[in-house]
Amino acid sequence: MLGPDGQPLEVVPVEKTGEDAWAGVARVDRGSSAQFDWTSAATLVAGDLAALLVFAAAGRANHGEGGGAEVISTALPFILGWFATAPLLGGFGAEARKQGVQPAALTAAKCWAVGIPTGLLLRGLLRGYVPPVPFIAVSMAVNGVLLVGWRSALAAATKPAEPDTVKTRRDRRGNPFEFLELLMSLTKRW
């Protein structure tokens, strides 16, 4: 493609131009930086904790063992494994929170695939022996259903966040300082 003077036009991605490349001409609307939603993250933490405690309570009840503090001690390695790995795998990020059911389920499954084996490993280290294979299988299956299931249900019940695009933001009202900044950038060009 040729410019008005017959010279070829060069396309430069905005990411490579730097901030001052557009001074005096225009500013690139980079959108608003999405802030971390602490309320959604707290909901996920509480639900995950509840799911892991339900798993431990159901397991202890199935074996005729007591509840209370024993449930917490049974769930503790899984809680530690889950909360040590899930944040590193995006378990509380945007995809886990308000992007729809499929991204939430995939994120939960990714965290489950690492977090629960980590919990099993911690349990084995704390108890001094490798858990039996049936316990490993049941732990993986039940926690998978509980964690992925509850997060998928939450995502289905939660309205997905609108994407932050120019079209969804529409026109933004400026303030007097932005207007003065625009005028100053135009005068810099002269």
C-alpha atoms as a PDB file:
ATOM      1  CA  MET A   1       0.000   0.000   0.000  1.00  0.00           C
ATOM      2  CA  LEU A   2       1.354   3.395  -0.964  1.00  0.00           C
ATOM      3  CA  GLY A   3       0.965   6.698   0.832  1.00  0.00           C
ATOM      4  CA  PRO A   4      -0.062  10.004  -0.806  1.00  0.00           C
ATOM      5  CA  ASP A   5       3.559  10.714  -1.733  1.00  0.00           C
ATOM      6  CA  GLY A   6       3.943   7.345  -3.469  1.00  0.00           C
ATOM      7  CA  GLN A   7       6.131   5.880  -0.732  1.00  0.00           C
ATOM      8  CA  PRO A   8       5.182   2.523   0.830  1.00  0.00           C
ATOM      9  CA  LEU A   9       3.368   2.778   4.149  1.00  0.00           C
ATOM     10  CA  GLU A  10       4.878   1.055   7.151  1.00  0.00           C
ATOM     11  CA  VAL A  11       2.589  -0.632   9.645  1.00  0.00           C
ATOM     12  CA  VAL A  12       3.905  -0.423  13.195  1.00  0.00           C
ATOM     13  CA  PRO A  13       2.035  -2.319  15.924  1.00  0.00           C
ATOM     14  CA  VAL A  14       0.870  -0.020  18.711  1.00  0.00           C
ATOM     15  CA  GLU A  15       2.614  -2.191  21.298  1.00  0.00           C
ATOM     16  CA  LYS A  16       5.982  -1.348  19.732  1.00  0.00           C
ATOM     17  CA  THR A  17       5.539   2.389  19.330  1.00  0.00           C
ATOM     18  CA  GLY A  18       5.922   3.539  22.920  1.00  0.00           C
ATOM     19  CA  GLU A  19       3.881   6.180  24.675  1.00  0.00           C
ATOM     20  CA  ASP A  20       5.356   9.283  23.026  1.00  0.00           C
ATOM     21  CA  ALA A  21       4.963   8.083  19.430  1.00  0.00           C
ATOM     22  CA  TRP A  22       1.389   9.305  19.445  1.00  0.00           C
ATOM     23  CA  ALA A  23       1.893  12.524  21.422  1.00  0.00           C
ATOM     24  CA  GLY A  24       0.274  15.470  19.712  1.00  0.00           C
ATOM     25  CA  VAL A  25      -1.699  13.357  17.284  1.00  0.00           C
ATOM     26  CA  ALA A  26      -3.878  11.001  19.241  1.00  0.00           C
ATOM     27  CA  ARG A  27      -3.798   8.689  22.165  1.00  0.00           C
ATOM     28  CA  VAL A  28      -4.455   5.023  21.858  1.00  0.00           C
ATOM     29  CA  ASP A  29      -7.358   3.859  23.973  1.00  0.00           C
ATOM     30  CA  ARG A  30      -5.888   0.875  25.742  1.00  0.00           C
ATOM     31  CA  GLY A  31      -9.029   0.276  27.764  1.00  0.00           C
ATOM     32  CA  SER A  32      -9.351   0.222  31.480  1.00  0.00           C
ATOM     33  CA  SER A  33      -7.141  -2.094  33.436  1.00  0.00           C
ATOM     34  CA  ALA A  34      -9.330  -4.796  34.888  1.00  0.00           C
ATOM     35  CA  GLN A  35      -9.031  -4.713  38.638  1.00  0.00           C
ATOM     36  CA  PHE A  36      -9.042  -7.880  40.644  1.00  0.00           C
ATOM     37  CA  ASP A  37     -12.524  -8.674  41.944  1.00  0.00           C
ATOM     38  CA  TRP A  38     -11.993  -9.587  45.590  1.00  0.00           C
ATOM     39  CA  THR A  39     -15.661 -10.436  46.153  1.00  0.00           C
ATOM     40  CA  SER A  40     -15.678 -13.066  43.409  1.00  0.00           C
ATOM     41  CA  ALA A  41     -12.369 -14.463  44.615  1.00  0.00           C
ATOM     42  CA  ALA A  42     -13.674 -14.683  48.189  1.00  0.00           C
ATOM     43  CA  THR A  43     -16.734 -16.532  46.903  1.00  0.00           C
ATOM     44  CA  LEU A  44     -14.487 -19.008  45.086  1.00  0.00           C
ATOM     45  CA  VAL A  45     -12.301 -19.490  48.165  1.00  0.00           C
ATOM     46  CA  ALA A  46     -15.324 -20.109  50.407  1.00  0.00           C
ATOM     47  CA  GLY A  47     -16.901 -22.519  47.931  1.00  0.00           C
ATOM     48  CA  ASP A  48     -13.661 -24.422  47.381  1.00  0.00           C
ATOM     49  CA  LEU A  49     -13.136 -24.699  51.118  1.00  0.00           C
ATOM     50  CA  ALA A  50     -16.702 -25.945  51.572  1.00  0.00           C
ATOM     51  CA  ALA A  51     -16.286 -28.532  48.792  1.00  0.00           C
ATOM     52  CA  LEU A  52     -13.077 -29.881  50.317  1.00  0.00           C
ATOM     53  CA  LEU A  53     -14.672 -30.040  53.774  1.00  0.00           C
ATOM     54  CA  VAL A  54     -17.731 -31.837  52.347  1.00  0.00           C
ATOM     55  CA  PHE A  55     -15.385 -34.379  50.765  1.00  0.00           C
ATOM     56  CA  ALA A  56     -13.605 -34.992  54.072  1.00  0.00           C
ATOM     57  CA  ALA A  57     -16.844 -35.126  56.087  1.00  0.00           C
ATOM     58  CA  ALA A  58     -18.470 -37.546  53.632  1.00  0.00           C
ATOM     59  CA  GLY A  59     -15.400 -39.771  53.652  1.00  0.00           C
ATOM     60  CA  ARG A  60     -15.214 -39.877  57.421  1.00  0.00           C
ATOM     61  CA  ALA A  61     -18.961 -40.524  57.714  1.00  0.00           C
ATOM     62  CA  ASN A  62     -18.711 -43.311  55.129  1.00  0.00           C
ATOM     63  CA  HIS A  63     -16.100 -45.021  57.301  1.00  0.00           C
ATOM     64  CA  GLY A  64     -18.035 -44.436  60.531  1.00  0.00           C
ATOM     65  CA  GLU A  65     -15.453 -42.012  61.870  1.00  0.00           C
ATOM     66  CA  GLY A  66     -16.083 -38.853  63.893  1.00  0.00           C
ATOM     67  CA  GLY A  67     -16.618 -35.342  62.653  1.00  0.00           C
ATOM     68  CA  GLY A  68     -15.550 -31.947  63.937  1.00  0.00           C
ATOM     69  CA  ALA A  69     -11.826 -31.374  64.222  1.00  0.00           C
ATOM     70  CA  GLU A  70     -11.092 -34.726  62.583  1.00  0.00           C
ATOM     71  CA  VAL A  71     -12.831 -33.525  59.414  1.00  0.00           C
ATOM     72  CA  ILE A  72     -10.570 -30.489  59.317  1.00  0.00           C
ATOM     73  CA  SER A  73      -7.451 -32.603  59.884  1.00  0.00           C
ATOM     74  CA  THR A  74      -8.547 -34.966  57.101  1.00  0.00           C
ATOM     75  CA  ALA A  75      -9.232 -32.086  54.720  1.00  0.00           C
ATOM     76  CA  LEU A  76      -6.127 -30.070  55.640  1.00  0.00           C
ATOM     77  CA  PRO A  77      -3.665 -31.657  53.164  1.00  0.00           C
ATOM     78  CA  PHE A  78      -6.191 -31.225  50.355  1.00  0.00           C
ATOM     79  CA  ILE A  79      -6.891 -27.635  51.399  1.00  0.00           C
ATOM     80  CA  LEU A  80      -3.171 -26.871  51.460  1.00  0.00           C
ATOM     81  CA  GLY A  81      -2.603 -28.593  48.114  1.00  0.00           C
ATOM     82  CA  TRP A  82      -5.531 -26.810  46.483  1.00  0.00           C
ATOM     83  CA  PHE A  83      -4.783 -23.321  47.763  1.00  0.00           C
ATOM     84  CA  ALA A  84      -1.054 -23.683  47.114  1.00  0.00           C
ATOM     85  CA  THR A  85      -1.545 -24.558  43.448  1.00  0.00           C
ATOM     86  CA  ALA A  86      -4.852 -23.022  42.311  1.00  0.00           C
ATOM     87  CA  PRO A  87      -3.681 -19.386  42.443  1.00  0.00           C
ATOM     88  CA  LEU A  88      -0.628 -20.297  40.374  1.00  0.00           C
ATOM     89  CA  LEU A  89      -2.825 -21.937  37.736  1.00  0.00           C
ATOM     90  CA  GLY A  90      -5.320 -19.085  37.418  1.00  0.00           C
ATOM     91  CA  GLY A  91      -7.858 -20.630  39.759  1.00  0.00           C
ATOM     92  CA  PHE A  92      -8.958 -17.223  40.986  1.00  0.00           C
ATOM     93  CA  GLY A  93      -8.292 -15.219  37.827  1.00  0.00           C
ATOM     94  CA  ALA A  94     -10.702 -13.803  35.273  1.00  0.00           C
ATOM     95  CA  GLU A  95     -11.374 -17.121  33.518  1.00  0.00           C
ATOM     96  CA  ALA A  96     -12.368 -18.709  36.806  1.00  0.00           C
ATOM     97  CA  ARG A  97     -14.648 -15.847  37.748  1.00  0.00           C
ATOM     98  CA  LYS A  98     -16.743 -14.150  35.096  1.00  0.00           C
ATOM     99  CA  GLN A  99     -15.983 -15.542  31.669  1.00  0.00           C
ATOM    100  CA  GLY A 100     -18.715 -18.179  31.410  1.00  0.00           C
ATOM    101  CA  VAL A 101     -19.221 -21.834  32.271  1.00  0.00           C
ATOM    102  CA  GLN A 102     -16.698 -23.442  29.934  1.00  0.00           C
ATOM    103  CA  PRO A 103     -13.680 -21.312  30.945  1.00  0.00           C
ATOM    104  CA  ALA A 104     -14.609 -21.706  34.626  1.00  0.00           C
ATOM    105  CA  ALA A 105     -14.903 -25.488  34.296  1.00  0.00           C
ATOM    106  CA  LEU A 106     -11.637 -25.781  32.365  1.00  0.00           C
ATOM    107  CA  THR A 107      -9.814 -23.634  34.900  1.00  0.00           C
ATOM    108  CA  ALA A 108     -11.247 -25.660  37.782  1.00  0.00           C
ATOM    109  CA  ALA A 109     -10.270 -28.919  36.052  1.00  0.00           C
ATOM    110  CA  LYS A 110      -6.738 -27.647  35.515  1.00  0.00           C
ATOM    111  CA  CYS A 111      -6.465 -26.704  39.192  1.00  0.00           C
ATOM    112  CA  TRP A 112      -8.027 -30.018  40.249  1.00  0.00           C
ATOM    113  CA  ALA A 113      -5.525 -31.989  38.148  1.00  0.00           C
ATOM    114  CA  VAL A 114      -2.639 -30.418  40.072  1.00  0.00           C
ATOM    115  CA  GLY A 115      -4.126 -29.401  43.430  1.00  0.00           C
ATOM    116  CA  ILE A 116      -5.674 -32.701  44.502  1.00  0.00           C
ATOM    117  CA  PRO A 117      -2.585 -34.813  43.674  1.00  0.00           C
ATOM    118  CA  THR A 118      -0.578 -32.241  45.638  1.00  0.00           C
ATOM    119  CA  GLY A 119      -2.984 -32.763  48.540  1.00  0.00           C
ATOM    120  CA  LEU A 120      -2.587 -36.527  48.239  1.00  0.00           C
ATOM    121  CA  LEU A 121       1.183 -36.115  48.268  1.00  0.00           C
ATOM    122  CA  LEU A 122       1.004 -33.918  51.369  1.00  0.00           C
ATOM    123  CA  ARG A 123      -1.292 -36.431  53.055  1.00  0.00           C
ATOM    124  CA  GLY A 124       1.175 -39.211  52.313  1.00  0.00           C
ATOM    125  CA  LEU A 125       4.061 -37.159  53.690  1.00  0.00           C
ATOM    126  CA  LEU A 126       2.145 -36.223  56.845  1.00  0.00           C
ATOM    127  CA  ARG A 127       1.002 -39.783  57.513  1.00  0.00           C
ATOM    128  CA  GLY A 128       4.239 -41.432  56.499  1.00  0.00           C
ATOM    129  CA  TYR A 129       2.824 -43.790  53.876  1.00  0.00           C
ATOM    130  CA  VAL A 130       1.465 -43.735  50.349  1.00  0.00           C
ATOM    131  CA  PRO A 131      -2.347 -43.668  50.321  1.00  0.00           C
ATOM    132  CA  PRO A 132      -3.971 -46.811  48.908  1.00  0.00           C
ATOM    133  CA  VAL A 133      -4.936 -46.715  45.233  1.00  0.00           C
ATOM    134  CA  PRO A 134      -8.713 -46.870  45.916  1.00  0.00           C
ATOM    135  CA  PHE A 135      -8.393 -43.832  48.206  1.00  0.00           C
ATOM    136  CA  ILE A 136      -6.476 -41.964  45.508  1.00  0.00           C
ATOM    137  CA  ALA A 137      -9.109 -42.827  42.891  1.00  0.00           C
ATOM    138  CA  VAL A 138     -12.041 -41.852  45.124  1.00  0.00           C
ATOM    139  CA  SER A 139     -10.309 -38.645  46.238  1.00  0.00           C
ATOM    140  CA  MET A 140      -9.634 -37.601  42.664  1.00  0.00           C
ATOM    141  CA  ALA A 141     -13.139 -38.468  41.446  1.00  0.00           C
ATOM    142  CA  VAL A 142     -15.138 -36.975  44.318  1.00  0.00           C
ATOM    143  CA  ASN A 143     -13.071 -33.804  44.531  1.00  0.00           C
ATOM    144  CA  GLY A 144     -13.267 -33.429  40.761  1.00  0.00           C
ATOM    145  CA  VAL A 145     -17.049 -33.630  40.832  1.00  0.00           C
ATOM    146  CA  LEU A 146     -17.338 -31.294  43.820  1.00  0.00           C
ATOM    147  CA  LEU A 147     -14.825 -28.646  42.759  1.00  0.00           C
ATOM    148  CA  VAL A 148     -15.474 -28.547  39.021  1.00  0.00           C
ATOM    149  CA  GLY A 149     -19.197 -29.003  39.600  1.00  0.00           C
ATOM    150  CA  TRP A 150     -19.665 -26.195  42.078  1.00  0.00           C
ATOM    151  CA  ARG A 151     -17.523 -23.773  40.077  1.00  0.00           C
ATOM    152  CA  SER A 152     -19.460 -24.602  36.910  1.00  0.00           C
ATOM    153  CA  ALA A 153     -22.748 -24.070  38.737  1.00  0.00           C
ATOM    154  CA  LEU A 154     -21.519 -20.721  40.045  1.00  0.00           C
ATOM    155  CA  ALA A 155     -20.431 -19.671  36.564  1.00  0.00           C
ATOM    156  CA  ALA A 156     -23.824 -20.685  35.165  1.00  0.00           C
ATOM    157  CA  ALA A 157     -25.590 -18.614  37.818  1.00  0.00           C
ATOM    158  CA  THR A 158     -23.301 -15.597  37.368  1.00  0.00           C
ATOM    159  CA  LYS A 159     -23.683 -13.143  34.532  1.00  0.00           C
ATOM    160  CA  PRO A 160     -20.477 -13.123  32.471  1.00  0.00           C
ATOM    161  CA  ALA A 161     -18.604  -9.838  32.497  1.00  0.00           C
ATOM    162  CA  GLU A 162     -18.864  -7.746  29.364  1.00  0.00           C
ATOM    163  CA  PRO A 163     -15.630  -7.566  27.425  1.00  0.00           C
ATOM    164  CA  ASP A 164     -13.854  -4.258  27.839  1.00  0.00           C
ATOM    165  CA  THR A 165     -13.862  -2.952  24.294  1.00  0.00           C
ATOM    166  CA  VAL A 166     -14.302   0.460  22.772  1.00  0.00           C
ATOM    167  CA  LYS A 167     -17.743  -0.578  21.572  1.00  0.00           C
ATOM    168  CA  THR A 168     -18.933  -1.592  25.055  1.00  0.00           C
ATOM    169  CA  ARG A 169     -17.369   1.449  26.755  1.00  0.00           C
ATOM    170  CA  ARG A 170     -18.932   3.875  24.291  1.00  0.00           C
ATOM    171  CA  ASP A 171     -17.891   7.491  24.637  1.00  0.00           C
ATOM    172  CA  ARG A 172     -16.059   8.407  27.763  1.00  0.00           C
ATOM    173  CA  ARG A 173     -16.443  11.808  29.311  1.00  0.00           C
ATOM    174  CA  GLY A 174     -13.174  13.621  29.709  1.00  0.00           C
ATOM    175  CA  ASN A 175     -12.233  16.116  32.348  1.00  0.00           C
ATOM    176  CA  PRO A 176     -10.726  19.606  31.950  1.00  0.00           C
ATOM    177  CA  PHE A 177      -7.217  18.321  32.613  1.00  0.00           C
ATOM    178  CA  GLU A 178      -7.456  15.835  29.758  1.00  0.00           C
ATOM    179  CA  PHE A 179      -8.596  18.660  27.482  1.00  0.00           C
ATOM    180  CA  LEU A 180      -5.623  20.785  28.540  1.00  0.00           C
ATOM    181  CA  GLU A 181      -3.327  17.819  27.992  1.00  0.00           C
ATOM    182  CA  LEU A 182      -4.719  17.467  24.479  1.00  0.00           C
ATOM    183  CA  LEU A 183      -4.139  21.161  23.773  1.00  0.00           C
ATOM    184  CA  MET A 184      -0.589  20.967  25.123  1.00  0.00           C
ATOM    185  CA  SER A 185       0.193  17.940  22.992  1.00  0.00           C
ATOM    186  CA  LEU A 186      -1.092  19.751  19.906  1.00  0.00           C
ATOM    187  CA  THR A 187       1.056  22.797  20.617  1.00  0.00           C
ATOM    188  CA  LYS A 188       4.123  20.569  21.024  1.00  0.00           C
ATOM    189  CA  ARG A 189       3.802  19.656  17.370  1.00  0.00           C
ATOM    190  CA  TRP A 190       4.218  23.278  16.238  1.00  0.00           C
END
